[in-house]
Amino acid sequence: MSTNQNAETDVVLIGAGIMSATLGLLLKELNPSYRIEIVERLDRAAAESSDAWNNAGTGHSAFCELNYTPEKNGKVDITKALNICEQFEETRQFWSYLIEKNIISNPKSFVNTVPHMSFVWGDKNVKFLRNRFEALSSTPLFEKMEYTEDRNQIQKWAPLLMRDRKSNESVAATYMSLGTDVNFGELTRRMIAHQTNQEGVNVTFNTEVYDLKKQMDGRWKIFLKNLSTGKKYTLLTKFVFIGAGGGSILLLEKSGIPEGKGYGGFPVSGQWLVCTNEELVNQHQAKVYGKASVGAPPMSVPHLDTRYINGKKALLFGPYAGFSTKFLKTGSYMDLFKSINFGNISPMIEAGLSNMDLTKYLIGEVLQSDDKRVESLKNYLPDAKKNEWKLEIAGQRVQVIKKKNGKGVLEFGTEVINSADGSLAVLLGASPGASTTVSIMLNLIKRCFPTEFESNQWQDKFKEMIPSFGTKLNDNPELLKELRAKTSQVLELEF
């Protein structure tokens, strides 16, 4: 079928997930005259990585995630936790702006108050958690954190954790009442729905981007195929953002930008145990994170997790990691093989050889029986019964592999790659992902729209949307207190 020349536009956003939804809204608020095309291969927004069942949904703020505070030589490094917490505060401010401007409504449909807890057992882990608490609670961002080794107090916070637990086992927990649960799927769909009704914005579903090429005039030609009709067409655009989840790596390779050379992807799948006993669900009101197993990727940090999905409270445990050669839950088993080329095969082999513990961990997870999964659950819920939990498939993540100091390494964060002229940007990676979308997109705009970013008009608009823009809340306790109170009120959160 021949390719038809079609339309021209200013911005193309590939993938209708939380990243594209946020970037689209930011750009349209900054410059209402922008023409924006959002293209999604599935039949609705947020059906892959942003979907509630595919996403951890914690509202990652580093309140409870122990992998954000690694211990080095007996000292807990809180640098990453502080950065992530700052970023989530920016996210909350932006959501509040969207509510106040009636861009989206009904915040309880996507964000709810759920305390965040860290829970550990064993003397070594108790000592680590105590040190972590002492380091974090001395900062304004975390000063409201509580710590206890008292079993009765832990039982008040999360009764299921202590039911039938061995009395001689040393335990400890931290508690943050400021925690939230976020349904990023619902939030994304509300953001996309608003953009569908904006002048100059077009959202297209069931449409796949199968290629893209840089033109002599600096614009990009995007090659698309309507998956319902088979019709092919093209778009010319000044700027393109690839936010296609695990599928981004394949489009990055097709773009041919030199900045993308040597990048590869390592796919990790996930599963949840979902509680089917409503009485049990209602007895737990917290997100309880523990320590990851040796070799486990960050997305596999175990947690007993209160969620609100489609208006109903749920209780999940997991995720259990697995391996698939797919880059998307709805992708192809050929994705991994298609991604391998002469530029990245060396880094991928090197990363594989230096991460044998991860390989062993994933093999063990894949071969794990239902009984073994319930045994893992019993570390958090000692009296768990197998017949009260069912296994559900979670999302698919692709961890970044790249050259670093001359060697191939496996990265566990999110990373934005952009062309030198700023005409193309790609988001790769997973955790903490959705929770820090606003900060990620602000950084992308700074790199890809440098002149506009520094203009007075855009700087003023940034400060309107995100009042703490350009400042560190951890260095300004009064502003932190003021903005937390305001965003909590606007988002209808109860602390």
Foldseek 3Di string as FASTA:
>chain_A
DDAAADEEFAEEEEALFLQSLLLVVLVCLLPVVGQYEYEAQAPAHCPACLAQQFDPQFLDQLLAQCVCFDADPNATRNVSNLVSNLLLLLVLLLVLLCDVVVLFHDLVQFKAFFKAKEKDWDPVVLSVVVNVCVVQCVFLSNVQKDKDQDLVVVCVQFVLQNVPDDPPIGMMMIIDRLIMGGRRRVVSRSSVVSQCPRPSYHYYYSKDFPAKEQDPVRWIKTWMARNVPRHIYIYTYQAYEYPHFLCQLLHLVRHVFPLSFQKAWFKKWWKKKWFQDVVSQVSGGHWYWYADDPLAASVFGWIFDWHQHSNDTITITTIQIAGACASIPPGDSCNRVSSDDPRHPQLVVQACVVRVVNVVSRVCSVPDDLVNVVVVVCNRRVVDDSVRIDMDIHHMHIWMWGADPRHTHTHADKDWTAHQQLRYIYIHHPPPPSSSSNVVSLVSCCRNVVVSCPDPSNVVSSCSSRVCPPHRCSVPSVVVVVSSVSSCVSSVYDD
